[in-house]
Amino acid sequence: MKIIVLVKPRSKKTSVEKLAGGRFRVGVKEPPEGGRANVAVGKALAEFFSLPQSEVKLVRGSSSRRKIFEIPFE
């Protein structure tokens, strides 16, 4: 299943919030430099959905605040 994620880098704390329309807002402490925020978002989503980090994949938007991640959904 693909989900739309709105990312807030350099947040005070890491958080995952479900929004209307099946979208998610994820705040991460890491800056958007060198892909560090993308990795942190993947970790936060994996923890939120109780999945291994390797199951969460960034599909689109590596340099944008609006990203599409693919997660397995059963």
PDB file of N, CA and C in Angstrom:
ATOM      1  N   MET A   1       0.845  -1.163   0.000  1.00  0.00           N
ATOM      2  CA  MET A   1       0.000   0.000   0.000  1.00  0.00           C
ATOM      3  C   MET A   1       0.893   1.230   0.000  1.00  0.00           C
ATOM      4  N   LYS A   2       0.557   2.226  -0.820  1.00  0.00           N
ATOM      5  CA  LYS A   2       1.316   3.463  -0.872  1.00  0.00           C
ATOM      6  C   LYS A   2       0.619   4.515  -0.028  1.00  0.00           C
ATOM      7  N   ILE A   3       1.412   5.254   0.740  1.00  0.00           N
ATOM      8  CA  ILE A   3       0.858   6.305   1.584  1.00  0.00           C
ATOM      9  C   ILE A   3       1.579   7.616   1.290  1.00  0.00           C
ATOM     10  N   ILE A   4       0.859   8.716   1.412  1.00  0.00           N
ATOM     11  CA  ILE A   4       1.429  10.039   1.229  1.00  0.00           C
ATOM     12  C   ILE A   4       1.862  10.551   2.597  1.00  0.00           C
ATOM     13  N   VAL A   5       3.098  11.029   2.665  1.00  0.00           N
ATOM     14  CA  VAL A   5       3.671  11.489   3.930  1.00  0.00           C
ATOM     15  C   VAL A   5       4.130  12.931   3.776  1.00  0.00           C
ATOM     16  N   LEU A   6       3.677  13.789   4.672  1.00  0.00           N
ATOM     17  CA  LEU A   6       4.138  15.165   4.730  1.00  0.00           C
ATOM     18  C   LEU A   6       5.185  15.233   5.835  1.00  0.00           C
ATOM     19  N   VAL A   7       6.400  15.638   5.499  1.00  0.00           N
ATOM     20  CA  VAL A   7       7.521  15.571   6.431  1.00  0.00           C
ATOM     21  C   VAL A   7       7.838  16.944   7.009  1.00  0.00           C
ATOM     22  N   LYS A   8       8.098  16.965   8.305  1.00  0.00           N
ATOM     23  CA  LYS A   8       8.533  18.175   8.985  1.00  0.00           C
ATOM     24  C   LYS A   8       9.913  17.893   9.583  1.00  0.00           C
ATOM     25  N   PRO A   9      11.001  18.233   8.858  1.00  0.00           N
ATOM     26  CA  PRO A   9      12.346  18.008   9.397  1.00  0.00           C
ATOM     27  C   PRO A   9      12.670  19.022  10.490  1.00  0.00           C
ATOM     28  N   ARG A  10      13.691  18.718  11.277  1.00  0.00           N
ATOM     29  CA  ARG A  10      14.149  19.570  12.386  1.00  0.00           C
ATOM     30  C   ARG A  10      13.038  19.848  13.394  1.00  0.00           C
ATOM     31  N   SER A  11      12.210  18.857  13.624  1.00  0.00           N
ATOM     32  CA  SER A  11      11.144  18.960  14.611  1.00  0.00           C
ATOM     33  C   SER A  11      11.733  18.749  16.008  1.00  0.00           C
ATOM     34  N   LYS A  12      11.031  19.197  17.020  1.00  0.00           N
ATOM     35  CA  LYS A  12      11.521  19.022  18.390  1.00  0.00           C
ATOM     36  C   LYS A  12      11.513  17.567  18.810  1.00  0.00           C
ATOM     37  N   LYS A  13      10.547  16.806  18.305  1.00  0.00           N
ATOM     38  CA  LYS A  13      10.476  15.389  18.636  1.00  0.00           C
ATOM     39  C   LYS A  13       9.981  14.606  17.422  1.00  0.00           C
ATOM     40  N   THR A  14      10.250  13.326  17.413  1.00  0.00           N
ATOM     41  CA  THR A  14       9.785  12.461  16.344  1.00  0.00           C
ATOM     42  C   THR A  14       8.344  12.076  16.611  1.00  0.00           C
ATOM     43  N   SER A  15       7.481  12.283  15.602  1.00  0.00           N
ATOM     44  CA  SER A  15       6.067  11.973  15.781  1.00  0.00           C
ATOM     45  C   SER A  15       5.458  11.554  14.452  1.00  0.00           C
ATOM     46  N   VAL A  16       4.419  10.732  14.530  1.00  0.00           N
ATOM     47  CA  VAL A  16       3.646  10.312  13.355  1.00  0.00           C
ATOM     48  C   VAL A  16       2.186  10.609  13.655  1.00  0.00           C
ATOM     49  N   GLU A  17       1.551  11.355  12.762  1.00  0.00           N
ATOM     50  CA  GLU A  17       0.159  11.759  12.956  1.00  0.00           C
ATOM     51  C   GLU A  17      -0.631  11.395  11.700  1.00  0.00           C
ATOM     52  N   LYS A  18      -1.737  10.714  11.876  1.00  0.00           N
ATOM     53  CA  LYS A  18      -2.596  10.357  10.737  1.00  0.00           C
ATOM     54  C   LYS A  18      -3.520  11.526  10.440  1.00  0.00           C
ATOM     55  N   LEU A  19      -3.587  11.913   9.167  1.00  0.00           N
ATOM     56  CA  LEU A  19      -4.431  13.015   8.721  1.00  0.00           C
ATOM     57  C   LEU A  19      -5.610  12.477   7.922  1.00  0.00           C
ATOM     58  N   ALA A  20      -6.489  13.360   7.543  1.00  0.00           N
ATOM     59  CA  ALA A  20      -7.638  12.970   6.722  1.00  0.00           C
ATOM     60  C   ALA A  20      -7.165  12.496   5.354  1.00  0.00           C
ATOM     61  N   GLY A  21      -7.920  11.620   4.759  1.00  0.00           N
ATOM     62  CA  GLY A  21      -7.602  11.139   3.422  1.00  0.00           C
ATOM     63  C   GLY A  21      -6.487  10.115   3.373  1.00  0.00           C
ATOM     64  N   GLY A  22      -6.161   9.503   4.492  1.00  0.00           N
ATOM     65  CA  GLY A  22      -5.126   8.474   4.509  1.00  0.00           C
ATOM     66  C   GLY A  22      -3.707   9.004   4.435  1.00  0.00           C
ATOM     67  N   ARG A  23      -3.520  10.302   4.645  1.00  0.00           N
ATOM     68  CA  ARG A  23      -2.177  10.889   4.643  1.00  0.00           C
ATOM     69  C   ARG A  23      -1.608  10.881   6.059  1.00  0.00           C
ATOM     70  N   PHE A  24      -0.301  11.069   6.142  1.00  0.00           N
ATOM     71  CA  PHE A  24       0.378  11.095   7.428  1.00  0.00           C
ATOM     72  C   PHE A  24       1.297  12.298   7.496  1.00  0.00           C
ATOM     73  N   ARG A  25       1.433  12.879   8.682  1.00  0.00           N
ATOM     74  CA  ARG A  25       2.409  13.933   8.932  1.00  0.00           C
ATOM     75  C   ARG A  25       3.449  13.343   9.882  1.00  0.00           C
ATOM     76  N   VAL A  26       4.714  13.414   9.463  1.00  0.00           N
ATOM     77  CA  VAL A  26       5.793  12.856  10.268  1.00  0.00           C
ATOM     78  C   VAL A  26       6.792  13.955  10.585  1.00  0.00           C
ATOM     79  N   GLY A  27       7.033  14.166  11.859  1.00  0.00           N
ATOM     80  CA  GLY A  27       8.050  15.106  12.299  1.00  0.00           C
ATOM     81  C   GLY A  27       9.277  14.337  12.757  1.00  0.00           C
ATOM     82  N   VAL A  28      10.448  14.769  12.282  1.00  0.00           N
ATOM     83  CA  VAL A  28      11.706  14.118  12.665  1.00  0.00           C
ATOM     84  C   VAL A  28      12.718  15.167  13.105  1.00  0.00           C
ATOM     85  N   LYS A  29      13.617  14.789  13.985  1.00  0.00           N
ATOM     86  CA  LYS A  29      14.624  15.703  14.510  1.00  0.00           C
ATOM     87  C   LYS A  29      15.736  16.002  13.513  1.00  0.00           C
ATOM     88  N   GLU A  30      15.993  15.092  12.597  1.00  0.00           N
ATOM     89  CA  GLU A  30      17.118  15.209  11.688  1.00  0.00           C
ATOM     90  C   GLU A  30      16.886  16.288  10.628  1.00  0.00           C
ATOM     91  N   PRO A  31      17.969  16.922  10.176  1.00  0.00           N
ATOM     92  CA  PRO A  31      17.845  17.919   9.096  1.00  0.00           C
ATOM     93  C   PRO A  31      17.728  17.229   7.740  1.00  0.00           C
ATOM     94  N   PRO A  32      17.210  17.942   6.749  1.00  0.00           N
ATOM     95  CA  PRO A  32      17.053  17.339   5.413  1.00  0.00           C
ATOM     96  C   PRO A  32      18.348  17.400   4.606  1.00  0.00           C
ATOM     97  N   GLU A  33      19.423  16.917   5.166  1.00  0.00           N
ATOM     98  CA  GLU A  33      20.725  16.965   4.508  1.00  0.00           C
ATOM     99  C   GLU A  33      21.273  15.550   4.386  1.00  0.00           C
ATOM    100  N   GLY A  34      21.699  15.199   3.192  1.00  0.00           N
ATOM    101  CA  GLY A  34      22.294  13.894   2.973  1.00  0.00           C
ATOM    102  C   GLY A  34      21.337  12.726   3.149  1.00  0.00           C
ATOM    103  N   GLY A  35      20.043  12.977   3.052  1.00  0.00           N
ATOM    104  CA  GLY A  35      19.063  11.903   3.187  1.00  0.00           C
ATOM    105  C   GLY A  35      18.809  11.453   4.618  1.00  0.00           C
ATOM    106  N   ARG A  36      19.344  12.189   5.586  1.00  0.00           N
ATOM    107  CA  ARG A  36      19.173  11.777   6.988  1.00  0.00           C
ATOM    108  C   ARG A  36      17.720  11.849   7.429  1.00  0.00           C
ATOM    109  N   ALA A  37      16.979  12.867   6.964  1.00  0.00           N
ATOM    110  CA  ALA A  37      15.565  12.974   7.333  1.00  0.00           C
ATOM    111  C   ALA A  37      14.755  11.839   6.704  1.00  0.00           C
ATOM    112  N   ASN A  38      15.095  11.443   5.478  1.00  0.00           N
ATOM    113  CA  ASN A  38      14.377  10.345   4.825  1.00  0.00           C
ATOM    114  C   ASN A  38      14.535   9.044   5.602  1.00  0.00           C
ATOM    115  N   VAL A  39      15.743   8.787   6.067  1.00  0.00           N
ATOM    116  CA  VAL A  39      15.994   7.569   6.856  1.00  0.00           C
ATOM    117  C   VAL A  39      15.198   7.626   8.162  1.00  0.00           C
ATOM    118  N   ALA A  40      15.184   8.798   8.795  1.00  0.00           N
ATOM    119  CA  ALA A  40      14.454   8.952  10.055  1.00  0.00           C
ATOM    120  C   ALA A  40      12.954   8.774   9.859  1.00  0.00           C
ATOM    121  N   VAL A  41      12.425   9.261   8.735  1.00  0.00           N
ATOM    122  CA  VAL A  41      10.995   9.084   8.440  1.00  0.00           C
ATOM    123  C   VAL A  41      10.686   7.605   8.244  1.00  0.00           C
ATOM    124  N   GLY A  42      11.550   6.894   7.533  1.00  0.00           N
ATOM    125  CA  GLY A  42      11.365   5.454   7.349  1.00  0.00           C
ATOM    126  C   GLY A  42      11.349   4.711   8.673  1.00  0.00           C
ATOM    127  N   LYS A  43      12.251   5.085   9.571  1.00  0.00           N
ATOM    128  CA  LYS A  43      12.288   4.454  10.898  1.00  0.00           C
ATOM    129  C   LYS A  43      11.016   4.748  11.681  1.00  0.00           C
ATOM    130  N   ALA A  44      10.556   6.007  11.632  1.00  0.00           N
ATOM    131  CA  ALA A  44       9.351   6.389  12.372  1.00  0.00           C
ATOM    132  C   ALA A  44       8.121   5.656  11.843  1.00  0.00           C
ATOM    133  N   LEU A  45       8.010   5.536  10.525  1.00  0.00           N
ATOM    134  CA  LEU A  45       6.872   4.818   9.951  1.00  0.00           C
ATOM    135  C   LEU A  45       6.930   3.329  10.280  1.00  0.00           C
ATOM    136  N   ALA A  46       8.122   2.751  10.248  1.00  0.00           N
ATOM    137  CA  ALA A  46       8.270   1.333  10.583  1.00  0.00           C
ATOM    138  C   ALA A  46       7.836   1.084  12.024  1.00  0.00           C
ATOM    139  N   GLU A  47       8.206   1.977  12.916  1.00  0.00           N
ATOM    140  CA  GLU A  47       7.815   1.825  14.321  1.00  0.00           C
ATOM    141  C   GLU A  47       6.308   2.022  14.480  1.00  0.00           C
ATOM    142  N   PHE A  48       5.745   2.995  13.780  1.00  0.00           N
ATOM    143  CA  PHE A  48       4.306   3.283  13.868  1.00  0.00           C
ATOM    144  C   PHE A  48       3.467   2.095  13.400  1.00  0.00           C
ATOM    145  N   PHE A  49       3.887   1.457  12.295  1.00  0.00           N
ATOM    146  CA  PHE A  49       3.149   0.326  11.741  1.00  0.00           C
ATOM    147  C   PHE A  49       3.632  -1.014  12.269  1.00  0.00           C
ATOM    148  N   SER A  50       4.570  -1.030  13.203  1.00  0.00           N
ATOM    149  CA  SER A  50       5.136  -2.255  13.788  1.00  0.00           C
ATOM    150  C   SER A  50       5.700  -3.179  12.710  1.00  0.00           C
ATOM    151  N   LEU A  51       6.551  -2.608  11.879  1.00  0.00           N
ATOM    152  CA  LEU A  51       7.183  -3.342  10.783  1.00  0.00           C
ATOM    153  C   LEU A  51       8.694  -3.223  10.902  1.00  0.00           C
ATOM    154  N   PRO A  52       9.429  -4.149  10.280  1.00  0.00           N
ATOM    155  CA  PRO A  52      10.868  -3.962  10.185  1.00  0.00           C
ATOM    156  C   PRO A  52      11.156  -2.779   9.248  1.00  0.00           C
ATOM    157  N   GLN A  53      12.227  -2.073   9.505  1.00  0.00           N
ATOM    158  CA  GLN A  53      12.560  -0.900   8.705  1.00  0.00           C
ATOM    159  C   GLN A  53      12.767  -1.247   7.230  1.00  0.00           C
ATOM    160  N   SER A  54      13.218  -2.459   6.956  1.00  0.00           N
ATOM    161  CA  SER A  54      13.464  -2.869   5.572  1.00  0.00           C
ATOM    162  C   SER A  54      12.172  -3.012   4.762  1.00  0.00           C
ATOM    163  N   GLU A  55      11.025  -3.084   5.429  1.00  0.00           N
ATOM    164  CA  GLU A  55       9.741  -3.226   4.745  1.00  0.00           C
ATOM    165  C   GLU A  55       9.173  -1.882   4.269  1.00  0.00           C
ATOM    166  N   VAL A  56       9.694  -0.779   4.801  1.00  0.00           N
ATOM    167  CA  VAL A  56       9.198   0.556   4.455  1.00  0.00           C
ATOM    168  C   VAL A  56      10.123   1.140   3.390  1.00  0.00           C
ATOM    169  N   LYS A  57       9.557   1.472   2.223  1.00  0.00           N
ATOM    170  CA  LYS A  57      10.369   1.929   1.098  1.00  0.00           C
ATOM    171  C   LYS A  57       9.891   3.290   0.602  1.00  0.00           C
ATOM    172  N   LEU A  58      10.848   4.180   0.373  1.00  0.00           N
ATOM    173  CA  LEU A  58      10.565   5.484  -0.211  1.00  0.00           C
ATOM    174  C   LEU A  58      10.415   5.306  -1.718  1.00  0.00           C
ATOM    175  N   VAL A  59       9.244   5.664  -2.238  1.00  0.00           N
ATOM    176  CA  VAL A  59       8.953   5.475  -3.661  1.00  0.00           C
ATOM    177  C   VAL A  59       9.199   6.761  -4.447  1.00  0.00           C
ATOM    178  N   ARG A  60       8.774   7.888  -3.892  1.00  0.00           N
ATOM    179  CA  ARG A  60       8.876   9.155  -4.605  1.00  0.00           C
ATOM    180  C   ARG A  60       9.034  10.309  -3.621  1.00  0.00           C
ATOM    181  N   GLY A  61       9.792  11.336  -4.036  1.00  0.00           N
ATOM    182  CA  GLY A  61       9.900  12.549  -3.243  1.00  0.00           C
ATOM    183  C   GLY A  61      11.101  12.607  -2.335  1.00  0.00           C
ATOM    184  N   SER A  62      12.229  12.074  -2.752  1.00  0.00           N
ATOM    185  CA  SER A  62      13.394  12.042  -1.870  1.00  0.00           C
ATOM    186  C   SER A  62      13.895  13.434  -1.504  1.00  0.00           C
ATOM    187  N   SER A  63      13.643  14.437  -2.337  1.00  0.00           N
ATOM    188  CA  SER A  63      14.096  15.791  -2.016  1.00  0.00           C
ATOM    189  C   SER A  63      12.933  16.749  -1.777  1.00  0.00           C
ATOM    190  N   SER A  64      11.758  16.215  -1.522  1.00  0.00           N
ATOM    191  CA  SER A  64      10.566  17.019  -1.298  1.00  0.00           C
ATOM    192  C   SER A  64      10.019  16.759   0.097  1.00  0.00           C
ATOM    193  N   ARG A  65       9.223  17.694   0.607  1.00  0.00           N
ATOM    194  CA  ARG A  65       8.575  17.458   1.893  1.00  0.00           C
ATOM    195  C   ARG A  65       7.407  16.489   1.759  1.00  0.00           C
ATOM    196  N   ARG A  66       6.847  16.407   0.568  1.00  0.00           N
ATOM    197  CA  ARG A  66       5.741  15.478   0.299  1.00  0.00           C
ATOM    198  C   ARG A  66       6.329  14.223  -0.336  1.00  0.00           C
ATOM    199  N   LYS A  67       6.208  13.109   0.348  1.00  0.00           N
ATOM    200  CA  LYS A  67       6.819  11.860  -0.088  1.00  0.00           C
ATOM    201  C   LYS A  67       5.771  10.767  -0.202  1.00  0.00           C
ATOM    202  N   ILE A  68       6.084   9.766  -0.980  1.00  0.00           N
ATOM    203  CA  ILE A  68       5.234   8.589  -1.074  1.00  0.00           C
ATOM    204  C   ILE A  68       6.060   7.392  -0.623  1.00  0.00           C
ATOM    205  N   PHE A  69       5.569   6.708   0.394  1.00  0.00           N
ATOM    206  CA  PHE A  69       6.215   5.505   0.914  1.00  0.00           C
ATOM    207  C   PHE A  69       5.338   4.315   0.603  1.00  0.00           C
ATOM    208  N   GLU A  70       5.973   3.176   0.417  1.00  0.00           N
ATOM    209  CA  GLU A  70       5.258   1.920   0.208  1.00  0.00           C
ATOM    210  C   GLU A  70       5.468   1.041   1.435  1.00  0.00           C
ATOM    211  N   ILE A  71       4.347   0.563   1.970  1.00  0.00           N
ATOM    212  CA  ILE A  71       4.408  -0.331   3.120  1.00  0.00           C
ATOM    213  C   ILE A  71       3.566  -1.558   2.805  1.00  0.00           C
ATOM    214  N   PRO A  72       3.973  -2.724   3.303  1.00  0.00           N
ATOM    215  CA  PRO A  72       3.145  -3.917   3.080  1.00  0.00           C
ATOM    216  C   PRO A  72       1.902  -3.837   3.960  1.00  0.00           C
ATOM    217  N   PHE A  73       0.783  -4.144   3.380  1.00  0.00           N
ATOM    218  CA  PHE A  73      -0.475  -4.100   4.124  1.00  0.00           C
ATOM    219  C   PHE A  73      -1.214  -5.400   3.911  1.00  0.00           C
ATOM    220  N   GLU A  74      -1.592  -6.028   4.989  1.00  0.00           N
ATOM    221  CA  GLU A  74      -2.281  -7.319   4.904  1.00  0.00           C
ATOM    222  C   GLU A  74      -3.714  -7.189   5.310  1.00  0.00           C
TER     223      GLU A  74
END
